[in-house]
Amino acid sequence: MVTPPRVAPWQVWWVDFNPQLGREQAGRRPAIVVGSSLACGLPNGLAIVVPMTTRNRGLPFHPAVQLGETTGYAMTDQIKSISTQRLKKPHPDQLVSEDVQTVKFALRRMLDL
């Protein structure tokens, strides 16, 4: 049995989103863990994530965030629960607090919270 990785809110992980269906984001890419500490601590083998892209589509619900030298865009319209088996390894760069707040704001708008 594989031990699931330990995840925490606002960590960035490399995730394998394949296979995908329809317009879902696909491929191996960074994703932001957006589940609460409570959600991350559940023994259900799931993580709630927002995939990232480097393509700026100019959408208000794709806020820009900095990962090291790269500008990425958090695709808050594609928030999803995934198996922790899809989490491949932690991304070497993590979000700064200002970018966490930006993503939280975009999620509140997307989810009407």
C-alpha atoms as a PDB file:
ATOM      1  CA  MET A   1       0.000   0.000   0.000  1.00  0.00           C
ATOM      2  CA  VAL A   2       1.322   3.425  -0.959  1.00  0.00           C
ATOM      3  CA  THR A   3       1.366   6.029   1.796  1.00  0.00           C
ATOM      4  CA  PRO A   4      -0.422   9.166   0.569  1.00  0.00           C
ATOM      5  CA  PRO A   5       1.644  12.347   0.625  1.00  0.00           C
ATOM      6  CA  ARG A   6       1.026  14.850   3.403  1.00  0.00           C
ATOM      7  CA  VAL A   7      -0.457  18.001   1.960  1.00  0.00           C
ATOM      8  CA  ALA A   8      -1.180  21.382   3.494  1.00  0.00           C
ATOM      9  CA  PRO A   9      -3.220  24.368   2.342  1.00  0.00           C
ATOM     10  CA  TRP A  10      -1.546  26.583  -0.255  1.00  0.00           C
ATOM     11  CA  GLN A  11       1.226  24.162  -1.105  1.00  0.00           C
ATOM     12  CA  VAL A  12       2.020  23.854  -4.801  1.00  0.00           C
ATOM     13  CA  TRP A  13       2.457  20.331  -6.178  1.00  0.00           C
ATOM     14  CA  TRP A  14       3.236  18.810  -9.553  1.00  0.00           C
ATOM     15  CA  VAL A  15       0.060  16.941 -10.502  1.00  0.00           C
ATOM     16  CA  ASP A  16      -0.789  14.502 -13.283  1.00  0.00           C
ATOM     17  CA  PHE A  17      -4.280  15.505 -14.486  1.00  0.00           C
ATOM     18  CA  ASN A  18      -4.454  12.756 -17.150  1.00  0.00           C
ATOM     19  CA  PRO A  19      -6.791  11.311 -18.179  1.00  0.00           C
ATOM     20  CA  GLN A  20      -9.076  14.286 -18.680  1.00  0.00           C
ATOM     21  CA  LEU A  21     -12.532  14.678 -20.145  1.00  0.00           C
ATOM     22  CA  GLY A  22     -13.925  17.491 -22.276  1.00  0.00           C
ATOM     23  CA  ARG A  23     -12.494  20.892 -21.365  1.00  0.00           C
ATOM     24  CA  GLU A  24     -10.810  19.760 -18.132  1.00  0.00           C
ATOM     25  CA  GLN A  25      -7.182  20.782 -17.748  1.00  0.00           C
ATOM     26  CA  ALA A  26      -4.859  17.947 -18.743  1.00  0.00           C
ATOM     27  CA  GLY A  27      -1.232  16.990 -18.410  1.00  0.00           C
ATOM     28  CA  ARG A  28       1.416  17.263 -15.746  1.00  0.00           C
ATOM     29  CA  ARG A  29       1.377  20.746 -14.260  1.00  0.00           C
ATOM     30  CA  PRO A  30       1.554  22.640 -10.978  1.00  0.00           C
ATOM     31  CA  ALA A  31      -1.586  22.866  -8.874  1.00  0.00           C
ATOM     32  CA  ILE A  32      -2.345  24.779  -5.690  1.00  0.00           C
ATOM     33  CA  VAL A  33      -3.819  22.856  -2.752  1.00  0.00           C
ATOM     34  CA  VAL A  34      -6.813  24.983  -1.709  1.00  0.00           C
ATOM     35  CA  GLY A  35      -8.473  22.628   0.779  1.00  0.00           C
ATOM     36  CA  SER A  36      -8.571  23.766   4.403  1.00  0.00           C
ATOM     37  CA  SER A  37      -6.341  22.258   7.096  1.00  0.00           C
ATOM     38  CA  LEU A  38      -9.347  20.144   8.074  1.00  0.00           C
ATOM     39  CA  ALA A  39      -9.836  18.903   4.494  1.00  0.00           C
ATOM     40  CA  CYS A  40      -6.116  18.205   4.078  1.00  0.00           C
ATOM     41  CA  GLY A  41      -6.107  16.164   7.286  1.00  0.00           C
ATOM     42  CA  LEU A  42      -8.937  13.820   6.322  1.00  0.00           C
ATOM     43  CA  PRO A  43      -7.892  10.195   5.761  1.00  0.00           C
ATOM     44  CA  ASN A  44      -9.817   9.979   2.477  1.00  0.00           C
ATOM     45  CA  GLY A  45      -6.854  10.158   0.081  1.00  0.00           C
ATOM     46  CA  LEU A  46      -8.184  13.287  -1.645  1.00  0.00           C
ATOM     47  CA  ALA A  47      -6.824  16.793  -2.142  1.00  0.00           C
ATOM     48  CA  ILE A  48      -8.747  19.864  -3.333  1.00  0.00           C
ATOM     49  CA  VAL A  49      -6.647  21.682  -5.914  1.00  0.00           C
ATOM     50  CA  VAL A  50      -6.658  24.449  -8.495  1.00  0.00           C
ATOM     51  CA  PRO A  51      -4.591  23.692 -11.614  1.00  0.00           C
ATOM     52  CA  MET A  52      -2.214  26.303 -12.971  1.00  0.00           C
ATOM     53  CA  THR A  53      -1.266  27.380 -16.475  1.00  0.00           C
ATOM     54  CA  THR A  54       1.350  29.714 -17.916  1.00  0.00           C
ATOM     55  CA  ARG A  55      -1.093  30.937 -20.565  1.00  0.00           C
ATOM     56  CA  ASN A  56      -2.711  34.293 -19.801  1.00  0.00           C
ATOM     57  CA  ARG A  57      -6.258  34.115 -21.095  1.00  0.00           C
ATOM     58  CA  GLY A  58      -7.154  37.479 -19.544  1.00  0.00           C
ATOM     59  CA  LEU A  59      -9.892  35.945 -17.403  1.00  0.00           C
ATOM     60  CA  PRO A  60     -10.716  37.577 -14.036  1.00  0.00           C
ATOM     61  CA  PHE A  61     -10.959  34.163 -12.357  1.00  0.00           C
ATOM     62  CA  HIS A  62      -7.423  33.195 -13.490  1.00  0.00           C
ATOM     63  CA  PRO A  63      -5.334  35.384 -11.156  1.00  0.00           C
ATOM     64  CA  ALA A  64      -1.627  35.742 -11.845  1.00  0.00           C
ATOM     65  CA  VAL A  65       0.733  34.260  -9.259  1.00  0.00           C
ATOM     66  CA  GLN A  66       4.496  34.047  -9.128  1.00  0.00           C
ATOM     67  CA  LEU A  67       6.307  30.704  -8.834  1.00  0.00           C
ATOM     68  CA  GLY A  68       9.974  31.528  -8.744  1.00  0.00           C
ATOM     69  CA  GLU A  69      10.821  33.219 -12.042  1.00  0.00           C
ATOM     70  CA  THR A  70       7.610  32.045 -13.741  1.00  0.00           C
ATOM     71  CA  THR A  71       4.260  33.819 -13.810  1.00  0.00           C
ATOM     72  CA  GLY A  72       1.437  31.310 -13.615  1.00  0.00           C
ATOM     73  CA  TYR A  73      -2.331  31.651 -13.611  1.00  0.00           C
ATOM     74  CA  ALA A  74      -4.526  29.847 -11.079  1.00  0.00           C
ATOM     75  CA  MET A  75      -7.476  28.343 -12.944  1.00  0.00           C
ATOM     76  CA  THR A  76     -10.082  28.773 -10.196  1.00  0.00           C
ATOM     77  CA  ASP A  77     -12.840  27.731 -12.603  1.00  0.00           C
ATOM     78  CA  GLN A  78     -11.305  24.228 -12.579  1.00  0.00           C
ATOM     79  CA  ILE A  79     -11.184  23.584  -8.817  1.00  0.00           C
ATOM     80  CA  LYS A  80     -11.434  19.852  -8.199  1.00  0.00           C
ATOM     81  CA  SER A  81     -10.928  17.029  -5.736  1.00  0.00           C
ATOM     82  CA  ILE A  82      -8.264  14.598  -6.890  1.00  0.00           C
ATOM     83  CA  SER A  83      -6.721  11.441  -5.515  1.00  0.00           C
ATOM     84  CA  THR A  84      -3.489  12.171  -3.668  1.00  0.00           C
ATOM     85  CA  GLN A  85      -1.976   9.534  -5.979  1.00  0.00           C
ATOM     86  CA  ARG A  86      -2.073  12.248  -8.678  1.00  0.00           C
ATOM     87  CA  LEU A  87       0.299  14.403  -6.562  1.00  0.00           C
ATOM     88  CA  LYS A  88       3.746  13.642  -7.961  1.00  0.00           C
ATOM     89  CA  LYS A  89       6.079  15.888  -5.952  1.00  0.00           C
ATOM     90  CA  PRO A  90       6.054  19.280  -4.234  1.00  0.00           C
ATOM     91  CA  HIS A  91       6.871  22.167  -6.558  1.00  0.00           C
ATOM     92  CA  PRO A  92      10.232  23.726  -5.637  1.00  0.00           C
ATOM     93  CA  ASP A  93       8.620  27.182  -5.469  1.00  0.00           C
ATOM     94  CA  GLN A  94       5.672  28.114  -3.263  1.00  0.00           C
ATOM     95  CA  LEU A  95       3.199  31.008  -3.211  1.00  0.00           C
ATOM     96  CA  VAL A  96       3.912  34.189  -1.290  1.00  0.00           C
ATOM     97  CA  SER A  97       1.178  35.421   1.064  1.00  0.00           C
ATOM     98  CA  GLU A  98       0.013  38.149  -1.341  1.00  0.00           C
ATOM     99  CA  ASP A  99      -0.605  35.554  -4.058  1.00  0.00           C
ATOM    100  CA  VAL A 100      -2.467  33.311  -1.592  1.00  0.00           C
ATOM    101  CA  GLN A 101      -4.806  36.240  -0.865  1.00  0.00           C
ATOM    102  CA  THR A 102      -5.264  36.867  -4.602  1.00  0.00           C
ATOM    103  CA  VAL A 103      -6.249  33.235  -5.202  1.00  0.00           C
ATOM    104  CA  LYS A 104      -8.595  33.270  -2.178  1.00  0.00           C
ATOM    105  CA  PHE A 105     -10.328  36.360  -3.581  1.00  0.00           C
ATOM    106  CA  ALA A 106     -10.726  34.733  -7.007  1.00  0.00           C
ATOM    107  CA  LEU A 107     -12.132  31.558  -5.408  1.00  0.00           C
ATOM    108  CA  ARG A 108     -14.647  33.588  -3.388  1.00  0.00           C
ATOM    109  CA  ARG A 109     -15.809  35.273  -6.604  1.00  0.00           C
ATOM    110  CA  MET A 110     -15.931  31.999  -8.530  1.00  0.00           C
ATOM    111  CA  LEU A 111     -17.853  30.167  -5.780  1.00  0.00           C
ATOM    112  CA  ASP A 112     -19.963  33.161  -4.655  1.00  0.00           C
ATOM    113  CA  LEU A 113     -18.690  32.953  -1.059  1.00  0.00           C
END
